[in-house]
Amino acid sequence: MLKFIIPAIIVFLIVLFWENINQKIYQKFRVKINAIILIALLLILIAILFLLYF
């Protein structure tokens, strides 16, 4: 039961404090976290398609 509740709470807190997290990372590294996530998802998608092709 805990293995379902703890990740749900973590995801809820990330969603709840997304703006604060994004702002802190932007202040430290001068890059938006949305761009990092978009690039990571694109790379994962390319890797999956590449593995499916060969």
Protein backbone atom coordinates (compact mmCIF):
# COMPACT_ATOMS: atom_id res chain seq x y z
CA MET A 1 0.00 0.00 0.00
CA LEU A 2 2.82 2.40 0.85
CA LYS A 3 4.48 1.81 -2.51
CA PHE A 4 1.43 3.46 -4.13
CA ILE A 5 0.85 6.25 -1.61
CA ILE A 6 4.40 7.61 -1.34
CA PRO A 7 4.94 8.15 -5.11
CA ALA A 8 1.47 9.70 -5.37
CA ILE A 9 2.34 12.17 -2.60
CA ILE A 10 5.69 12.98 -4.25
CA VAL A 11 4.03 13.62 -7.63
CA PHE A 12 1.36 15.74 -5.96
CA LEU A 13 3.99 17.88 -4.20
CA ILE A 14 5.97 18.32 -7.44
CA VAL A 15 2.82 19.47 -9.24
CA LEU A 16 1.86 21.73 -6.35
CA PHE A 17 5.26 23.45 -6.11
CA TRP A 18 6.22 23.33 -9.82
CA GLU A 19 6.55 27.10 -10.19
CA ASN A 20 8.82 27.38 -7.13
CA ILE A 21 11.01 24.50 -8.33
CA ASN A 22 11.22 25.99 -11.82
CA GLN A 23 12.09 29.43 -10.45
CA LYS A 24 14.87 28.11 -8.16
CA ILE A 25 16.48 26.12 -10.98
CA TYR A 26 16.25 29.11 -13.32
CA GLN A 27 17.97 31.35 -10.75
CA LYS A 28 20.84 28.88 -10.27
CA PHE A 29 21.45 27.65 -13.83
CA ARG A 30 19.69 30.26 -16.03
CA VAL A 31 17.82 27.58 -17.94
CA LYS A 32 14.15 26.72 -17.83
CA ILE A 33 13.42 23.23 -16.58
CA ASN A 34 10.64 22.91 -19.17
CA ALA A 35 13.24 23.01 -21.93
CA ILE A 36 15.30 20.32 -20.19
CA ILE A 37 12.28 18.04 -19.86
CA LEU A 38 11.30 18.61 -23.49
CA ILE A 39 14.80 17.73 -24.71
CA ALA A 40 14.94 14.64 -22.47
CA LEU A 41 11.58 13.38 -23.71
CA LEU A 42 12.63 13.96 -27.30
CA LEU A 43 15.86 12.01 -26.78
CA ILE A 44 13.98 9.13 -25.13
CA LEU A 45 11.50 9.03 -28.00
CA ILE A 46 14.33 8.99 -30.56
CA ALA A 47 16.09 6.19 -28.65
CA ILE A 48 12.90 4.10 -28.55
CA LEU A 49 12.25 4.59 -32.25
CA PHE A 50 15.88 3.78 -33.04
CA LEU A 51 15.71 0.56 -31.01
CA LEU A 52 12.46 -0.44 -32.65
CA TYR A 53 13.90 0.15 -36.10
CA PHE A 54 16.95 -2.12 -35.62
